Amino acid sequence: IFYLGIHWLTDMCAGVLLGVAAARIGMRISEGRFSFSTQRSLIEQRA
């Protein structure tokens, strides 16, 4: 993306953060650890 003259360093840094966050969120949802019901249960337990 740099060599071909397309992207800025800032684009890459933001892309890395987004890519890592997307992968982690995707894993959590697929494992059932990020469902709305789970989040609601956690909130109720804390309450």
PDB file of all heavy atoms in Angstrom:
ATOM      1  N   ILE A   1       0.836  -1.214   0.000  1.00  0.00           N
ATOM      2  CA  ILE A   1       0.000   0.000   0.000  1.00  0.00           C
ATOM      3  C   ILE A   1       0.862   1.252   0.000  1.00  0.00           C
ATOM      4  O   ILE A   1       0.452   2.305  -0.506  1.00  0.00           O
ATOM      5  CB  ILE A   1      -0.995   0.017   1.179  1.00  0.00           C
ATOM      6  CG1 ILE A   1      -0.270   0.222   2.510  1.00  0.00           C
ATOM      7  CG2 ILE A   1      -1.852  -1.241   1.199  1.00  0.00           C
ATOM      8  CD1 ILE A   1      -1.182   0.416   3.700  1.00  0.00           C
ATOM      9  N   PHE A   2       2.070   1.155   0.564  1.00  0.00           N
ATOM     10  CA  PHE A   2       3.018   2.277   0.523  1.00  0.00           C
ATOM     11  C   PHE A   2       3.800   2.267  -0.785  1.00  0.00           C
ATOM     12  O   PHE A   2       3.918   3.282  -1.463  1.00  0.00           O
ATOM     13  CB  PHE A   2       3.996   2.202   1.701  1.00  0.00           C
ATOM     14  CG  PHE A   2       3.347   2.231   3.047  1.00  0.00           C
ATOM     15  CD1 PHE A   2       3.601   1.238   3.971  1.00  0.00           C
ATOM     16  CD2 PHE A   2       2.471   3.248   3.397  1.00  0.00           C
ATOM     17  CE1 PHE A   2       3.004   1.262   5.219  1.00  0.00           C
ATOM     18  CE2 PHE A   2       1.867   3.281   4.643  1.00  0.00           C
ATOM     19  CZ  PHE A   2       2.133   2.276   5.556  1.00  0.00           C
ATOM     20  N   TYR A   3       4.346   1.106  -1.114  1.00  0.00           N
ATOM     21  CA  TYR A   3       5.207   0.999  -2.288  1.00  0.00           C
ATOM     22  C   TYR A   3       4.482   1.402  -3.574  1.00  0.00           C
ATOM     23  O   TYR A   3       5.054   2.077  -4.439  1.00  0.00           O
ATOM     24  CB  TYR A   3       5.729  -0.435  -2.415  1.00  0.00           C
ATOM     25  CG  TYR A   3       6.521  -0.654  -3.685  1.00  0.00           C
ATOM     26  CD1 TYR A   3       7.822  -0.164  -3.812  1.00  0.00           C
ATOM     27  CD2 TYR A   3       5.949  -1.316  -4.773  1.00  0.00           C
ATOM     28  CE1 TYR A   3       8.535  -0.337  -4.992  1.00  0.00           C
ATOM     29  CE2 TYR A   3       6.655  -1.498  -5.950  1.00  0.00           C
ATOM     30  CZ  TYR A   3       7.945  -1.007  -6.061  1.00  0.00           C
ATOM     31  OH  TYR A   3       8.655  -1.170  -7.229  1.00  0.00           O
ATOM     32  N   LEU A   4       3.226   0.998  -3.703  1.00  0.00           N
ATOM     33  CA  LEU A   4       2.462   1.296  -4.915  1.00  0.00           C
ATOM     34  C   LEU A   4       1.958   2.732  -4.953  1.00  0.00           C
ATOM     35  O   LEU A   4       1.379   3.169  -5.948  1.00  0.00           O
ATOM     36  CB  LEU A   4       1.290   0.326  -5.053  1.00  0.00           C
ATOM     37  CG  LEU A   4       1.678  -1.144  -5.266  1.00  0.00           C
ATOM     38  CD1 LEU A   4       0.451  -2.036  -5.214  1.00  0.00           C
ATOM     39  CD2 LEU A   4       2.421  -1.323  -6.593  1.00  0.00           C
ATOM     40  N   GLY A   5       2.163   3.488  -3.872  1.00  0.00           N
ATOM     41  CA  GLY A   5       1.796   4.898  -3.843  1.00  0.00           C
ATOM     42  C   GLY A   5       0.351   5.174  -3.524  1.00  0.00           C
ATOM     43  O   GLY A   5      -0.194   6.211  -3.926  1.00  0.00           O
ATOM     44  N   ILE A   6      -0.289   4.265  -2.776  1.00  0.00           N
ATOM     45  CA  ILE A   6      -1.730   4.387  -2.536  1.00  0.00           C
ATOM     46  C   ILE A   6      -2.059   4.994  -1.173  1.00  0.00           C
ATOM     47  O   ILE A   6      -2.784   5.991  -1.084  1.00  0.00           O
ATOM     48  CB  ILE A   6      -2.405   3.004  -2.683  1.00  0.00           C
ATOM     49  CG1 ILE A   6      -2.202   2.472  -4.100  1.00  0.00           C
ATOM     50  CG2 ILE A   6      -3.903   3.090  -2.356  1.00  0.00           C
ATOM     51  CD1 ILE A   6      -2.657   1.045  -4.306  1.00  0.00           C
ATOM     52  N   HIS A   7      -1.541   4.398  -0.102  1.00  0.00           N
ATOM     53  CA  HIS A   7      -1.978   4.798   1.234  1.00  0.00           C
ATOM     54  C   HIS A   7      -0.918   5.574   2.019  1.00  0.00           C
ATOM     55  O   HIS A   7       0.281   5.497   1.736  1.00  0.00           O
ATOM     56  CB  HIS A   7      -2.374   3.556   2.044  1.00  0.00           C
ATOM     57  CG  HIS A   7      -3.732   3.040   1.706  1.00  0.00           C
ATOM     58  ND1 HIS A   7      -4.897   3.662   2.111  1.00  0.00           N
ATOM     59  CD2 HIS A   7      -4.126   1.950   0.998  1.00  0.00           C
ATOM     60  CE1 HIS A   7      -5.940   2.985   1.680  1.00  0.00           C
ATOM     61  NE2 HIS A   7      -5.494   1.939   0.993  1.00  0.00           N
ATOM     62  N   TRP A   8      -1.423   6.274   3.028  1.00  0.00           N
ATOM     63  CA  TRP A   8      -0.591   7.014   3.971  1.00  0.00           C
ATOM     64  C   TRP A   8      -0.297   6.126   5.185  1.00  0.00           C
ATOM     65  O   TRP A   8      -1.012   5.162   5.454  1.00  0.00           O
ATOM     66  CB  TRP A   8      -1.301   8.287   4.426  1.00  0.00           C
ATOM     67  CG  TRP A   8      -1.727   9.191   3.329  1.00  0.00           C
ATOM     68  CD1 TRP A   8      -2.891   9.129   2.613  1.00  0.00           C
ATOM     69  CD2 TRP A   8      -0.988  10.298   2.787  1.00  0.00           C
ATOM     70  NE1 TRP A   8      -2.929  10.130   1.670  1.00  0.00           N
ATOM     71  CE2 TRP A   8      -1.783  10.867   1.763  1.00  0.00           C
ATOM     72  CE3 TRP A   8       0.251  10.878   3.085  1.00  0.00           C
ATOM     73  CZ2 TRP A   8      -1.364  11.974   1.023  1.00  0.00           C
ATOM     74  CZ3 TRP A   8       0.670  11.978   2.361  1.00  0.00           C
ATOM     75  CH2 TRP A   8      -0.131  12.513   1.334  1.00  0.00           C
ATOM     76  N   LEU A   9       0.722   6.500   5.917  1.00  0.00           N
ATOM     77  CA  LEU A   9       1.071   5.762   7.137  1.00  0.00           C
ATOM     78  C   LEU A   9      -0.091   5.796   8.125  1.00  0.00           C
ATOM     79  O   LEU A   9      -0.373   4.814   8.811  1.00  0.00           O
ATOM     80  CB  LEU A   9       2.328   6.359   7.776  1.00  0.00           C
ATOM     81  CG  LEU A   9       2.798   5.737   9.100  1.00  0.00           C
ATOM     82  CD1 LEU A   9       3.164   4.271   8.908  1.00  0.00           C
ATOM     83  CD2 LEU A   9       3.991   6.517   9.657  1.00  0.00           C
ATOM     84  N   THR A  10      -0.767   6.938   8.187  1.00  0.00           N
ATOM     85  CA  THR A  10      -1.922   7.082   9.079  1.00  0.00           C
ATOM     86  C   THR A  10      -3.026   6.094   8.723  1.00  0.00           C
ATOM     87  O   THR A  10      -3.667   5.521   9.606  1.00  0.00           O
ATOM     88  CB  THR A  10      -2.473   8.522   9.000  1.00  0.00           C
ATOM     89  OG1 THR A  10      -1.408   9.446   9.168  1.00  0.00           O
ATOM     90  CG2 THR A  10      -3.529   8.755  10.076  1.00  0.00           C
ATOM     91  N   ASP A  11      -3.246   5.893   7.425  1.00  0.00           N
ATOM     92  CA  ASP A  11      -4.248   4.916   6.976  1.00  0.00           C
ATOM     93  C   ASP A  11      -3.903   3.524   7.482  1.00  0.00           C
ATOM     94  O   ASP A  11      -4.776   2.762   7.900  1.00  0.00           O
ATOM     95  CB  ASP A  11      -4.318   4.870   5.446  1.00  0.00           C
ATOM     96  CG  ASP A  11      -4.561   6.226   4.813  1.00  0.00           C
ATOM     97  OD1 ASP A  11      -5.178   7.075   5.473  1.00  0.00           O
ATOM     98  OD2 ASP A  11      -4.143   6.413   3.664  1.00  0.00           O
ATOM     99  N   MET A  12      -2.621   3.189   7.389  1.00  0.00           N
ATOM    100  CA  MET A  12      -2.165   1.859   7.810  1.00  0.00           C
ATOM    101  C   MET A  12      -2.347   1.668   9.311  1.00  0.00           C
ATOM    102  O   MET A  12      -2.837   0.618   9.752  1.00  0.00           O
ATOM    103  CB  MET A  12      -0.704   1.658   7.423  1.00  0.00           C
ATOM    104  CG  MET A  12      -0.160   0.269   7.737  1.00  0.00           C
ATOM    105  SD  MET A  12       0.461   0.093   9.436  1.00  0.00           S
ATOM    106  CE  MET A  12       1.992   1.004   9.316  1.00  0.00           C
ATOM    107  N   CYS A  13      -1.958   2.660  10.093  1.00  0.00           N
ATOM    108  CA  CYS A  13      -2.081   2.549  11.556  1.00  0.00           C
ATOM    109  C   CYS A  13      -3.534   2.344  11.961  1.00  0.00           C
ATOM    110  O   CYS A  13      -3.847   1.484  12.798  1.00  0.00           O
ATOM    111  CB  CYS A  13      -1.511   3.794  12.228  1.00  0.00           C
ATOM    112  SG  CYS A  13       0.278   3.987  12.036  1.00  0.00           S
ATOM    113  N   ALA A  14      -4.425   3.129  11.359  1.00  0.00           N
ATOM    114  CA  ALA A  14      -5.851   2.981  11.650  1.00  0.00           C
ATOM    115  C   ALA A  14      -6.347   1.613  11.185  1.00  0.00           C
ATOM    116  O   ALA A  14      -7.167   0.974  11.858  1.00  0.00           O
ATOM    117  CB  ALA A  14      -6.653   4.088  10.967  1.00  0.00           C
ATOM    118  N   GLY A  15      -5.834   1.142  10.055  1.00  0.00           N
ATOM    119  CA  GLY A  15      -6.231  -0.161   9.531  1.00  0.00           C
ATOM    120  C   GLY A  15      -5.810  -1.304  10.434  1.00  0.00           C
ATOM    121  O   GLY A  15      -6.558  -2.272  10.622  1.00  0.00           O
ATOM    122  N   VAL A  16      -4.608  -1.215  10.995  1.00  0.00           N
ATOM    123  CA  VAL A  16      -4.132  -2.260  11.913  1.00  0.00           C
ATOM    124  C   VAL A  16      -5.027  -2.335  13.146  1.00  0.00           C
ATOM    125  O   VAL A  16      -5.449  -3.419  13.568  1.00  0.00           O
ATOM    126  CB  VAL A  16      -2.672  -2.007  12.327  1.00  0.00           C
ATOM    127  CG1 VAL A  16      -2.262  -2.949  13.461  1.00  0.00           C
ATOM    128  CG2 VAL A  16      -1.734  -2.199  11.144  1.00  0.00           C
ATOM    129  N   LEU A  17      -5.336  -1.179  13.723  1.00  0.00           N
ATOM    130  CA  LEU A  17      -6.201  -1.149  14.911  1.00  0.00           C
ATOM    131  C   LEU A  17      -7.580  -1.721  14.584  1.00  0.00           C
ATOM    132  O   LEU A  17      -8.134  -2.512  15.358  1.00  0.00           O
ATOM    133  CB  LEU A  17      -6.332   0.284  15.423  1.00  0.00           C
ATOM    134  CG  LEU A  17      -5.063   0.915  16.019  1.00  0.00           C
ATOM    135  CD1 LEU A  17      -5.316   2.377  16.385  1.00  0.00           C
ATOM    136  CD2 LEU A  17      -4.601   0.137  17.242  1.00  0.00           C
ATOM    137  N   LEU A  18      -8.122  -1.317  13.438  1.00  0.00           N
ATOM    138  CA  LEU A  18      -9.445  -1.804  13.036  1.00  0.00           C
ATOM    139  C   LEU A  18      -9.412  -3.303  12.783  1.00  0.00           C
ATOM    140  O   LEU A  18     -10.322  -4.038  13.202  1.00  0.00           O
ATOM    141  CB  LEU A  18      -9.908  -1.072  11.773  1.00  0.00           C
ATOM    142  CG  LEU A  18     -11.222  -1.548  11.134  1.00  0.00           C
ATOM    143  CD1 LEU A  18     -12.363  -1.490  12.143  1.00  0.00           C
ATOM    144  CD2 LEU A  18     -11.545  -0.709   9.896  1.00  0.00           C
ATOM    145  N   GLY A  19      -8.364  -3.789  12.123  1.00  0.00           N
ATOM    146  CA  GLY A  19      -8.265  -5.208  11.811  1.00  0.00           C
ATOM    147  C   GLY A  19      -8.186  -6.082  13.048  1.00  0.00           C
ATOM    148  O   GLY A  19      -8.845  -7.121  13.129  1.00  0.00           O
ATOM    149  N   VAL A  20      -7.384  -5.664  14.022  1.00  0.00           N
ATOM    150  CA  VAL A  20      -7.258  -6.417  15.271  1.00  0.00           C
ATOM    151  C   VAL A  20      -8.587  -6.405  16.032  1.00  0.00           C
ATOM    152  O   VAL A  20      -9.050  -7.441  16.521  1.00  0.00           O
ATOM    153  CB  VAL A  20      -6.132  -5.843  16.153  1.00  0.00           C
ATOM    154  CG1 VAL A  20      -6.132  -6.511  17.523  1.00  0.00           C
ATOM    155  CG2 VAL A  20      -4.770  -6.034  15.475  1.00  0.00           C
ATOM    156  N   ALA A  21      -9.206  -5.225  16.115  1.00  0.00           N
ATOM    157  CA  ALA A  21     -10.479  -5.105  16.826  1.00  0.00           C
ATOM    158  C   ALA A  21     -11.559  -5.954  16.156  1.00  0.00           C
ATOM    159  O   ALA A  21     -12.330  -6.648  16.833  1.00  0.00           O
ATOM    160  CB  ALA A  21     -10.920  -3.646  16.873  1.00  0.00           C
ATOM    161  N   ALA A  22     -11.602  -5.923  14.817  1.00  0.00           N
ATOM    162  CA  ALA A  22     -12.607  -6.701  14.082  1.00  0.00           C
ATOM    163  C   ALA A  22     -12.432  -8.195  14.316  1.00  0.00           C
ATOM    164  O   ALA A  22     -13.411  -8.918  14.528  1.00  0.00           O
ATOM    165  CB  ALA A  22     -12.519  -6.386  12.590  1.00  0.00           C
ATOM    166  N   ALA A  23     -11.182  -8.654  14.304  1.00  0.00           N
ATOM    167  CA  ALA A  23     -10.927 -10.078  14.514  1.00  0.00           C
ATOM    168  C   ALA A  23     -11.332 -10.508  15.921  1.00  0.00           C
ATOM    169  O   ALA A  23     -11.950 -11.566  16.109  1.00  0.00           O
ATOM    170  CB  ALA A  23      -9.446 -10.379  14.280  1.00  0.00           C
ATOM    171  N   ARG A  24     -10.990  -9.700  16.917  1.00  0.00           N
ATOM    172  CA  ARG A  24     -11.322 -10.046  18.300  1.00  0.00           C
ATOM    173  C   ARG A  24     -12.828 -10.030  18.526  1.00  0.00           C
ATOM    174  O   ARG A  24     -13.378 -10.918  19.186  1.00  0.00           O
ATOM    175  CB  ARG A  24     -10.629  -9.081  19.255  1.00  0.00           C
ATOM    176  CG  ARG A  24      -9.110  -9.175  19.246  1.00  0.00           C
ATOM    177  CD  ARG A  24      -8.483  -8.401  20.371  1.00  0.00           C
ATOM    178  NE  ARG A  24      -8.879  -8.949  21.671  1.00  0.00           N
ATOM    179  CZ  ARG A  24      -8.463  -8.463  22.843  1.00  0.00           C
ATOM    180  NH1 ARG A  24      -7.657  -7.420  22.869  1.00  0.00           N
ATOM    181  NH2 ARG A  24      -8.864  -8.999  23.962  1.00  0.00           N
ATOM    182  N   ILE A  25     -13.509  -9.031  17.973  1.00  0.00           N
ATOM    183  CA  ILE A  25     -14.961  -8.961  18.121  1.00  0.00           C
ATOM    184  C   ILE A  25     -15.621 -10.124  17.386  1.00  0.00           C
ATOM    185  O   ILE A  25     -16.563 -10.748  17.889  1.00  0.00           O
ATOM    186  CB  ILE A  25     -15.487  -7.612  17.595  1.00  0.00           C
ATOM    187  CG1 ILE A  25     -15.058  -6.487  18.546  1.00  0.00           C
ATOM    188  CG2 ILE A  25     -17.010  -7.637  17.445  1.00  0.00           C
ATOM    189  CD1 ILE A  25     -15.403  -5.101  18.050  1.00  0.00           C
ATOM    190  N   GLY A  26     -15.110 -10.429  16.177  1.00  0.00           N
ATOM    191  CA  GLY A  26     -15.646 -11.557  15.428  1.00  0.00           C
ATOM    192  C   GLY A  26     -15.516 -12.864  16.189  1.00  0.00           C
ATOM    193  O   GLY A  26     -16.447 -13.672  16.224  1.00  0.00           O
ATOM    194  N   MET A  27     -14.349 -13.075  16.833  1.00  0.00           N
ATOM    195  CA  MET A  27     -14.135 -14.286  17.615  1.00  0.00           C
ATOM    196  C   MET A  27     -15.067 -14.344  18.814  1.00  0.00           C
ATOM    197  O   MET A  27     -15.646 -15.386  19.119  1.00  0.00           O
ATOM    198  CB  MET A  27     -12.679 -14.367  18.072  1.00  0.00           C
ATOM    199  CG  MET A  27     -11.695 -14.712  16.979  1.00  0.00           C
ATOM    200  SD  MET A  27     -11.919 -16.384  16.312  1.00  0.00           S
ATOM    201  CE  MET A  27     -11.491 -17.377  17.747  1.00  0.00           C
ATOM    202  N   ARG A  28     -15.226 -13.219  19.490  1.00  0.00           N
ATOM    203  CA  ARG A  28     -16.074 -13.192  20.686  1.00  0.00           C
ATOM    204  C   ARG A  28     -17.533 -13.485  20.328  1.00  0.00           C
ATOM    205  O   ARG A  28     -18.223 -14.217  21.037  1.00  0.00           O
ATOM    206  CB  ARG A  28     -15.962 -11.837  21.386  1.00  0.00           C
ATOM    207  CG  ARG A  28     -14.612 -11.604  22.063  1.00  0.00           C
ATOM    208  CD  ARG A  28     -14.562 -10.226  22.722  1.00  0.00           C
ATOM    209  NE  ARG A  28     -15.507 -10.139  23.830  1.00  0.00           N
ATOM    210  CZ  ARG A  28     -15.232 -10.492  25.086  1.00  0.00           C
ATOM    211  NH1 ARG A  28     -14.042 -10.977  25.394  1.00  0.00           N
ATOM    212  NH2 ARG A  28     -16.139 -10.363  26.037  1.00  0.00           N
ATOM    213  N   ILE A  29     -17.993 -12.922  19.211  1.00  0.00           N
ATOM    214  CA  ILE A  29     -19.380 -13.170  18.804  1.00  0.00           C
ATOM    215  C   ILE A  29     -19.566 -14.624  18.399  1.00  0.00           C
ATOM    216  O   ILE A  29     -20.550 -15.276  18.774  1.00  0.00           O
ATOM    217  CB  ILE A  29     -19.787 -12.239  17.647  1.00  0.00           C
ATOM    218  CG1 ILE A  29     -19.750 -10.776  18.089  1.00  0.00           C
ATOM    219  CG2 ILE A  29     -21.185 -12.595  17.146  1.00  0.00           C
ATOM    220  CD1 ILE A  29     -20.035  -9.791  16.975  1.00  0.00           C
ATOM    221  N   SER A  30     -18.618 -15.158  17.636  1.00  0.00           N
ATOM    222  CA  SER A  30     -18.749 -16.537  17.166  1.00  0.00           C
ATOM    223  C   SER A  30     -18.671 -17.541  18.315  1.00  0.00           C
ATOM    224  O   SER A  30     -19.227 -18.637  18.227  1.00  0.00           O
ATOM    225  CB  SER A  30     -17.660 -16.862  16.142  1.00  0.00           C
ATOM    226  OG  SER A  30     -16.374 -16.899  16.744  1.00  0.00           O
ATOM    227  N   GLU A  31     -17.992 -17.157  19.400  1.00  0.00           N
ATOM    228  CA  GLU A  31     -17.896 -18.028  20.573  1.00  0.00           C
ATOM    229  C   GLU A  31     -19.048 -17.813  21.547  1.00  0.00           C
ATOM    230  O   GLU A  31     -19.106 -18.452  22.601  1.00  0.00           O
ATOM    231  CB  GLU A  31     -16.569 -17.794  21.283  1.00  0.00           C
ATOM    232  CG  GLU A  31     -15.354 -18.245  20.465  1.00  0.00           C
ATOM    233  CD  GLU A  31     -14.044 -17.800  21.089  1.00  0.00           C
ATOM    234  OE1 GLU A  31     -14.096 -16.981  22.039  1.00  0.00           O
ATOM    235  OE2 GLU A  31     -12.982 -18.262  20.639  1.00  0.00           O
ATOM    236  N   GLY A  32     -19.944 -16.873  21.213  1.00  0.00           N
ATOM    237  CA  GLY A  32     -21.092 -16.615  22.077  1.00  0.00           C
ATOM    238  C   GLY A  32     -20.773 -15.775  23.286  1.00  0.00           C
ATOM    239  O   GLY A  32     -21.546 -15.737  24.249  1.00  0.00           O
ATOM    240  N   ARG A  33     -19.627 -15.070  23.238  1.00  0.00           N
ATOM    241  CA  ARG A  33     -19.219 -14.262  24.388  1.00  0.00           C
ATOM    242  C   ARG A  33     -19.534 -12.786  24.196  1.00  0.00           C
ATOM    243  O   ARG A  33     -19.158 -11.953  24.997  1.00  0.00           O
ATOM    244  CB  ARG A  33     -17.715 -14.412  24.637  1.00  0.00           C
ATOM    245  CG  ARG A  33     -17.306 -15.812  25.043  1.00  0.00           C
ATOM    246  CD  ARG A  33     -15.842 -15.892  25.407  1.00  0.00           C
ATOM    247  NE  ARG A  33     -14.985 -15.727  24.256  1.00  0.00           N
ATOM    248  CZ  ARG A  33     -13.927 -14.911  24.211  1.00  0.00           C
ATOM    249  NH1 ARG A  33     -13.630 -14.159  25.245  1.00  0.00           N
ATOM    250  NH2 ARG A  33     -13.175 -14.844  23.130  1.00  0.00           N
ATOM    251  N   PHE A  34     -20.265 -12.477  23.105  1.00  0.00           N
ATOM    252  CA  PHE A  34     -20.552 -11.074  22.841  1.00  0.00           C
ATOM    253  C   PHE A  34     -22.017 -10.874  22.468  1.00  0.00           C
ATOM    254  O   PHE A  34     -22.393  -9.919  21.850  1.00  0.00           O
ATOM    255  CB  PHE A  34     -19.671 -10.562  21.699  1.00  0.00           C
ATOM    256  CG  PHE A  34     -19.492  -9.077  21.683  1.00  0.00           C
ATOM    257  CD1 PHE A  34     -18.599  -8.471  22.540  1.00  0.00           C
ATOM    258  CD2 PHE A  34     -20.219  -8.283  20.801  1.00  0.00           C
ATOM    259  CE1 PHE A  34     -18.427  -7.093  22.522  1.00  0.00           C
ATOM    260  CE2 PHE A  34     -20.051  -6.902  20.778  1.00  0.00           C
ATOM    261  CZ  PHE A  34     -19.147  -6.309  21.647  1.00  0.00           C
ATOM    262  N   SER A  35     -22.868 -11.832  22.847  1.00  0.00           N
ATOM    263  CA  SER A  35     -24.288 -11.728  22.512  1.00  0.00           C
ATOM    264  C   SER A  35     -24.970 -10.733  23.432  1.00  0.00           C
ATOM    265  O   SER A  35     -24.507 -10.454  24.541  1.00  0.00           O
ATOM    266  CB  SER A  35     -24.973 -13.095  22.639  1.00  0.00           C
ATOM    267  OG  SER A  35     -24.944 -13.536  23.970  1.00  0.00           O
ATOM    268  N   PHE A  36     -26.088 -10.191  22.972  1.00  0.00           N
ATOM    269  CA  PHE A  36     -26.828  -9.231  23.786  1.00  0.00           C
ATOM    270  C   PHE A  36     -27.358  -9.884  25.060  1.00  0.00           C
ATOM    271  O   PHE A  36     -27.423  -9.255  26.110  1.00  0.00           O
ATOM    272  CB  PHE A  36     -27.977  -8.624  22.976  1.00  0.00           C
ATOM    273  CG  PHE A  36     -27.512  -7.689  21.897  1.00  0.00           C
ATOM    274  CD1 PHE A  36     -27.611  -8.036  20.553  1.00  0.00           C
ATOM    275  CD2 PHE A  36     -26.955  -6.462  22.220  1.00  0.00           C
ATOM    276  CE1 PHE A  36     -27.182  -7.188  19.564  1.00  0.00           C
ATOM    277  CE2 PHE A  36     -26.520  -5.588  21.231  1.00  0.00           C
ATOM    278  CZ  PHE A  36     -26.638  -5.959  19.910  1.00  0.00           C
ATOM    279  N   SER A  37     -27.741 -11.150  24.958  1.00  0.00           N
ATOM    280  CA  SER A  37     -28.255 -11.834  26.140  1.00  0.00           C
ATOM    281  C   SER A  37     -27.164 -11.993  27.188  1.00  0.00           C
ATOM    282  O   SER A  37     -27.415 -11.843  28.389  1.00  0.00           O
ATOM    283  CB  SER A  37     -28.808 -13.205  25.741  1.00  0.00           C
ATOM    284  OG  SER A  37     -27.794 -14.004  25.151  1.00  0.00           O
ATOM    285  N   THR A  38     -25.939 -12.296  26.724  1.00  0.00           N
ATOM    286  CA  THR A  38     -24.821 -12.428  27.655  1.00  0.00           C
ATOM    287  C   THR A  38     -24.524 -11.103  28.324  1.00  0.00           C
ATOM    288  O   THR A  38     -24.301 -11.022  29.546  1.00  0.00           O
ATOM    289  CB  THR A  38     -23.561 -12.933  26.921  1.00  0.00           C
ATOM    290  OG1 THR A  38     -23.853 -14.192  26.321  1.00  0.00           O
ATOM    291  CG2 THR A  38     -22.401 -13.072  27.879  1.00  0.00           C
ATOM    292  N   GLN A  39     -24.528 -10.037  27.527  1.00  0.00           N
ATOM    293  CA  GLN A  39     -24.248  -8.716  28.088  1.00  0.00           C
ATOM    294  C   GLN A  39     -25.331  -8.317  29.089  1.00  0.00           C
ATOM    295  O   GLN A  39     -25.045  -7.740  30.145  1.00  0.00           O
ATOM    296  CB  GLN A  39     -24.170  -7.673  26.954  1.00  0.00           C
ATOM    297  CG  GLN A  39     -23.049  -7.932  25.955  1.00  0.00           C
ATOM    298  CD  GLN A  39     -21.689  -7.980  26.609  1.00  0.00           C
ATOM    299  OE1 GLN A  39     -21.354  -7.125  27.430  1.00  0.00           O
ATOM    300  NE2 GLN A  39     -20.896  -8.984  26.274  1.00  0.00           N
ATOM    301  N   ARG A  40     -26.578  -8.669  28.799  1.00  0.00           N
ATOM    302  CA  ARG A  40     -27.682  -8.343  29.702  1.00  0.00           C
ATOM    303  C   ARG A  40     -27.547  -9.103  31.013  1.00  0.00           C
ATOM    304  O   ARG A  40     -27.785  -8.566  32.088  1.00  0.00           O
ATOM    305  CB  ARG A  40     -29.022  -8.669  29.026  1.00  0.00           C
ATOM    306  CG  ARG A  40     -30.239  -8.277  29.861  1.00  0.00           C
ATOM    307  CD  ARG A  40     -31.503  -8.480  29.045  1.00  0.00           C
ATOM    308  NE  ARG A  40     -31.601  -9.872  28.611  1.00  0.00           N
ATOM    309  CZ  ARG A  40     -32.512 -10.288  27.735  1.00  0.00           C
ATOM    310  NH1 ARG A  40     -33.363  -9.428  27.186  1.00  0.00           N
ATOM    311  NH2 ARG A  40     -32.562 -11.570  27.390  1.00  0.00           N
ATOM    312  N   SER A  41     -27.134 -10.379  30.916  1.00  0.00           N
ATOM    313  CA  SER A  41     -26.940 -11.187  32.116  1.00  0.00           C
ATOM    314  C   SER A  41     -25.847 -10.611  32.997  1.00  0.00           C
ATOM    315  O   SER A  41     -25.971 -10.560  34.231  1.00  0.00           O
ATOM    316  CB  SER A  41     -26.592 -12.631  31.734  1.00  0.00           C
ATOM    317  OG  SER A  41     -27.646 -13.228  31.009  1.00  0.00           O
ATOM    318  N   LEU A  42     -24.771 -10.168  32.358  1.00  0.00           N
ATOM    319  CA  LEU A  42     -23.675  -9.568  33.126  1.00  0.00           C
ATOM    320  C   LEU A  42     -24.119  -8.312  33.841  1.00  0.00           C
ATOM    321  O   LEU A  42     -23.754  -8.061  34.985  1.00  0.00           O
ATOM    322  CB  LEU A  42     -22.497  -9.266  32.180  1.00  0.00           C
ATOM    323  CG  LEU A  42     -21.743 -10.478  31.628  1.00  0.00           C
ATOM    324  CD1 LEU A  42     -20.699 -10.028  30.615  1.00  0.00           C
ATOM    325  CD2 LEU A  42     -21.064 -11.254  32.754  1.00  0.00           C
ATOM    326  N   ILE A  43     -24.921  -7.509  33.135  1.00  0.00           N
ATOM    327  CA  ILE A  43     -25.422  -6.271  33.735  1.00  0.00           C
ATOM    328  C   ILE A  43     -26.323  -6.584  34.920  1.00  0.00           C
ATOM    329  O   ILE A  43     -26.245  -5.946  35.979  1.00  0.00           O
ATOM    330  CB  ILE A  43     -26.170  -5.423  32.683  1.00  0.00           C
ATOM    331  CG1 ILE A  43     -25.206  -4.927  31.614  1.00  0.00           C
ATOM    332  CG2 ILE A  43     -26.879  -4.247  33.351  1.00  0.00           C
ATOM    333  CD1 ILE A  43     -25.881  -4.222  30.451  1.00  0.00           C
ATOM    334  N   GLU A  44     -27.202  -7.601  34.759  1.00  0.00           N
ATOM    335  CA  GLU A  44     -28.117  -7.982  35.847  1.00  0.00           C
ATOM    336  C   GLU A  44     -27.342  -8.515  37.050  1.00  0.00           C
ATOM    337  O   GLU A  44     -27.678  -8.213  38.209  1.00  0.00           O
ATOM    338  CB  GLU A  44     -29.098  -9.040  35.340  1.00  0.00           C
ATOM    339  CG  GLU A  44     -30.089  -8.484  34.312  1.00  0.00           C
ATOM    340  CD  GLU A  44     -30.973  -9.590  33.744  1.00  0.00           C
ATOM    341  OE1 GLU A  44     -30.692 -10.776  34.038  1.00  0.00           O
ATOM    342  OE2 GLU A  44     -31.933  -9.257  33.010  1.00  0.00           O
ATOM    343  N   GLN A  45     -26.281  -9.312  36.791  1.00  0.00           N
ATOM    344  CA  GLN A  45     -25.479  -9.844  37.878  1.00  0.00           C
ATOM    345  C   GLN A  45     -24.772  -8.724  38.651  1.00  0.00           C
ATOM    346  O   GLN A  45     -24.719  -8.747  39.880  1.00  0.00           O
ATOM    347  CB  GLN A  45     -24.444 -10.835  37.328  1.00  0.00           C
ATOM    348  CG  GLN A  45     -25.057 -12.130  36.802  1.00  0.00           C
ATOM    349  CD  GLN A  45     -24.011 -13.031  36.169  1.00  0.00           C
ATOM    350  OE1 GLN A  45     -22.818 -12.786  36.272  1.00  0.00           O
ATOM    351  NE2 GLN A  45     -24.466 -14.095  35.508  1.00  0.00           N
ATOM    352  N   ARG A  46     -24.293  -7.751  37.919  1.00  0.00           N
ATOM    353  CA  ARG A  46     -23.611  -6.628  38.571  1.00  0.00           C
ATOM    354  C   ARG A  46     -24.597  -5.800  39.375  1.00  0.00           C
ATOM    355  O   ARG A  46     -24.277  -5.289  40.453  1.00  0.00           O
ATOM    356  CB  ARG A  46     -22.925  -5.763  37.517  1.00  0.00           C
ATOM    357  CG  ARG A  46     -21.708  -6.444  36.864  1.00  0.00           C
ATOM    358  CD  ARG A  46     -21.167  -5.627  35.711  1.00  0.00           C
ATOM    359  NE  ARG A  46     -20.077  -6.298  35.055  1.00  0.00           N
ATOM    360  CZ  ARG A  46     -19.505  -5.885  33.926  1.00  0.00           C
ATOM    361  NH1 ARG A  46     -19.976  -4.786  33.317  1.00  0.00           N
ATOM    362  NH2 ARG A  46     -18.481  -6.559  33.405  1.00  0.00           N
ATOM    363  N   ALA A  47     -25.825  -5.685  38.839  1.00  0.00           N
ATOM    364  CA  ALA A  47     -26.847  -4.918  39.550  1.00  0.00           C
ATOM    365  C   ALA A  47     -27.207  -5.594  40.860  1.00  0.00           C
ATOM    366  O   ALA A  47     -27.408  -4.924  41.896  1.00  0.00           O
ATOM    367  CB  ALA A  47     -28.073  -4.756  38.663  1.00  0.00           C
TER     368      ALA A  47
END
